N, C-alpha and C. Protein backbone atom coordinates (compact mmCIF):
# COMPACT_ATOMS: atom_id res chain seq x y z
N UNK A 1 18.12 -28.77 -33.72
CA UNK A 1 19.27 -27.98 -33.84
C UNK A 1 18.91 -26.52 -34.02
N UNK A 2 19.58 -25.69 -33.14
CA UNK A 2 19.28 -24.26 -33.08
C UNK A 2 20.23 -23.54 -34.19
N UNK A 3 19.72 -22.46 -34.64
CA UNK A 3 20.54 -21.76 -35.71
C UNK A 3 21.62 -20.95 -34.97
N UNK A 4 22.71 -20.78 -35.69
CA UNK A 4 23.75 -19.90 -35.16
C UNK A 4 23.30 -18.42 -35.30
N UNK A 5 23.90 -17.58 -34.39
CA UNK A 5 23.47 -16.15 -34.46
C UNK A 5 24.16 -15.39 -35.60
N UNK A 6 24.68 -16.10 -36.59
CA UNK A 6 25.26 -15.46 -37.80
C UNK A 6 25.17 -16.43 -38.98
N UNK A 7 25.27 -15.83 -40.17
CA UNK A 7 25.32 -16.66 -41.37
C UNK A 7 26.52 -16.13 -42.21
N UNK A 8 27.10 -17.03 -42.92
CA UNK A 8 28.19 -16.63 -43.83
C UNK A 8 27.89 -17.07 -45.25
N UNK A 9 27.94 -16.20 -46.23
CA UNK A 9 27.60 -16.51 -47.56
C UNK A 9 28.77 -15.98 -48.49
N UNK A 10 28.83 -16.54 -49.65
CA UNK A 10 29.68 -16.07 -50.76
C UNK A 10 28.62 -15.54 -51.76
N UNK A 11 28.70 -14.26 -52.04
CA UNK A 11 27.76 -13.60 -52.95
C UNK A 11 28.46 -13.43 -54.30
N UNK A 12 27.72 -13.77 -55.37
CA UNK A 12 28.11 -13.46 -56.71
C UNK A 12 27.01 -12.62 -57.39
N UNK A 13 27.36 -11.57 -58.15
CA UNK A 13 26.39 -10.71 -58.87
C UNK A 13 26.95 -10.53 -60.28
N UNK A 14 26.03 -10.41 -61.17
CA UNK A 14 26.41 -10.17 -62.58
C UNK A 14 25.23 -9.58 -63.27
N UNK A 15 25.53 -8.94 -64.44
CA UNK A 15 24.44 -8.36 -65.28
C UNK A 15 24.11 -9.43 -66.33
N UNK A 16 22.88 -9.57 -66.60
CA UNK A 16 22.32 -10.37 -67.76
C UNK A 16 21.55 -9.40 -68.56
N UNK A 17 22.19 -8.78 -69.53
CA UNK A 17 21.55 -7.77 -70.34
C UNK A 17 21.39 -6.54 -69.39
N UNK A 18 20.22 -5.99 -69.20
CA UNK A 18 20.02 -4.82 -68.32
C UNK A 18 19.60 -5.29 -66.91
N UNK A 19 19.43 -6.55 -66.65
CA UNK A 19 19.03 -7.05 -65.36
C UNK A 19 20.18 -7.57 -64.52
N UNK A 20 20.11 -7.37 -63.21
CA UNK A 20 21.07 -7.98 -62.30
C UNK A 20 20.63 -9.34 -61.86
N UNK A 21 21.57 -10.33 -61.81
CA UNK A 21 21.32 -11.61 -61.30
C UNK A 21 22.27 -11.83 -60.18
N UNK A 22 21.99 -12.75 -59.25
CA UNK A 22 22.81 -13.03 -58.08
C UNK A 22 22.66 -14.50 -57.74
N UNK A 23 23.73 -14.91 -57.03
CA UNK A 23 23.66 -16.21 -56.40
C UNK A 23 24.45 -16.09 -55.05
N UNK A 24 24.07 -16.90 -54.06
CA UNK A 24 24.77 -16.92 -52.78
C UNK A 24 24.95 -18.36 -52.48
N UNK A 25 26.08 -18.69 -51.84
CA UNK A 25 26.43 -20.02 -51.46
C UNK A 25 26.57 -20.00 -49.91
N UNK A 26 25.90 -20.84 -49.17
CA UNK A 26 26.03 -20.88 -47.75
C UNK A 26 27.36 -21.54 -47.39
N UNK A 27 28.22 -20.93 -46.56
CA UNK A 27 29.45 -21.46 -46.22
C UNK A 27 29.38 -22.76 -45.43
N UNK A 28 28.41 -22.88 -44.61
CA UNK A 28 28.41 -24.05 -43.72
C UNK A 28 28.01 -25.33 -44.38
N UNK A 29 27.28 -25.19 -45.47
CA UNK A 29 26.83 -26.47 -46.18
C UNK A 29 26.92 -26.47 -47.65
N UNK A 30 27.48 -25.27 -48.25
CA UNK A 30 27.64 -25.10 -49.72
C UNK A 30 26.32 -25.16 -50.51
N UNK A 31 25.21 -24.92 -49.74
CA UNK A 31 23.94 -24.88 -50.51
C UNK A 31 23.87 -23.57 -51.33
N UNK A 32 23.53 -23.65 -52.60
CA UNK A 32 23.49 -22.45 -53.42
C UNK A 32 22.05 -21.96 -53.69
N UNK A 33 21.88 -20.69 -53.64
CA UNK A 33 20.55 -20.06 -53.95
C UNK A 33 20.78 -19.10 -55.17
N UNK A 34 19.97 -19.19 -56.15
CA UNK A 34 19.97 -18.32 -57.32
C UNK A 34 18.90 -17.37 -57.31
N UNK A 35 19.08 -16.18 -57.84
CA UNK A 35 18.15 -15.08 -57.79
C UNK A 35 18.00 -14.40 -59.14
N UNK A 36 16.83 -14.06 -59.63
CA UNK A 36 16.67 -13.47 -60.89
C UNK A 36 16.61 -11.97 -60.77
N UNK A 37 16.64 -11.47 -59.51
CA UNK A 37 16.66 -9.93 -59.33
C UNK A 37 17.26 -9.69 -57.94
N UNK A 38 17.74 -8.49 -57.79
CA UNK A 38 18.36 -8.06 -56.54
C UNK A 38 17.17 -8.02 -55.47
N UNK A 39 15.95 -7.72 -55.93
CA UNK A 39 14.83 -7.67 -55.01
C UNK A 39 14.62 -9.03 -54.29
N UNK A 40 14.71 -10.08 -55.16
CA UNK A 40 14.52 -11.50 -54.63
C UNK A 40 15.66 -11.86 -53.70
N UNK A 41 16.90 -11.38 -53.97
CA UNK A 41 17.99 -11.62 -53.13
C UNK A 41 17.80 -10.98 -51.76
N UNK A 42 17.42 -9.72 -51.78
CA UNK A 42 17.18 -8.96 -50.53
C UNK A 42 16.02 -9.62 -49.71
N UNK A 43 14.89 -10.01 -50.40
CA UNK A 43 13.86 -10.68 -49.72
C UNK A 43 14.36 -11.98 -48.97
N UNK A 44 15.19 -12.74 -49.68
CA UNK A 44 15.78 -13.95 -49.07
C UNK A 44 16.53 -13.64 -47.85
N UNK A 45 17.40 -12.56 -47.97
CA UNK A 45 18.32 -12.22 -46.82
C UNK A 45 17.44 -11.68 -45.61
N UNK A 46 16.38 -10.98 -45.87
CA UNK A 46 15.47 -10.53 -44.81
C UNK A 46 14.92 -11.74 -44.08
N UNK A 47 14.47 -12.72 -44.89
CA UNK A 47 13.81 -13.97 -44.34
C UNK A 47 14.90 -14.63 -43.45
N UNK A 48 16.07 -14.77 -43.99
CA UNK A 48 17.11 -15.52 -43.20
C UNK A 48 17.46 -14.72 -41.91
N UNK A 49 17.48 -13.35 -41.93
CA UNK A 49 17.74 -12.56 -40.80
C UNK A 49 16.63 -12.73 -39.70
N UNK A 50 15.37 -12.92 -40.16
CA UNK A 50 14.30 -13.03 -39.25
C UNK A 50 14.31 -14.37 -38.56
N UNK A 51 14.92 -15.42 -39.18
CA UNK A 51 14.96 -16.69 -38.67
C UNK A 51 16.24 -16.97 -37.81
N UNK A 52 17.16 -15.99 -37.76
CA UNK A 52 18.38 -16.14 -37.08
C UNK A 52 18.21 -15.46 -35.72
N UNK A 53 18.47 -16.22 -34.60
CA UNK A 53 18.30 -15.58 -33.30
C UNK A 53 19.34 -14.54 -33.02
N UNK A 54 18.87 -13.53 -32.25
CA UNK A 54 19.83 -12.48 -31.84
C UNK A 54 20.70 -13.04 -30.65
N UNK A 55 21.85 -12.45 -30.39
CA UNK A 55 22.58 -12.78 -29.24
C UNK A 55 21.76 -12.70 -28.02
N UNK A 56 21.75 -13.69 -27.19
CA UNK A 56 20.95 -13.78 -25.95
C UNK A 56 19.62 -14.29 -26.09
N UNK A 57 19.17 -14.44 -27.34
CA UNK A 57 17.81 -15.13 -27.52
C UNK A 57 17.88 -16.62 -27.34
N UNK A 58 16.82 -17.23 -26.74
CA UNK A 58 16.84 -18.65 -26.59
C UNK A 58 16.07 -19.17 -27.82
N UNK A 59 16.50 -20.36 -28.29
CA UNK A 59 15.82 -21.02 -29.45
C UNK A 59 15.21 -22.20 -28.95
């Protein structure tokens, strides 16, 4: 199964004391990912973007 050229997420962010926390839920399968920092969220998103084909790319 090839990946779609886009991803849709629901993003939630909140403060836990002085730290930011985040979770995202994938719209297509409701899988939730939790993050203890904004840095880990951004790292996850970069990884997802690298795995998603651009328009016109063959998978």
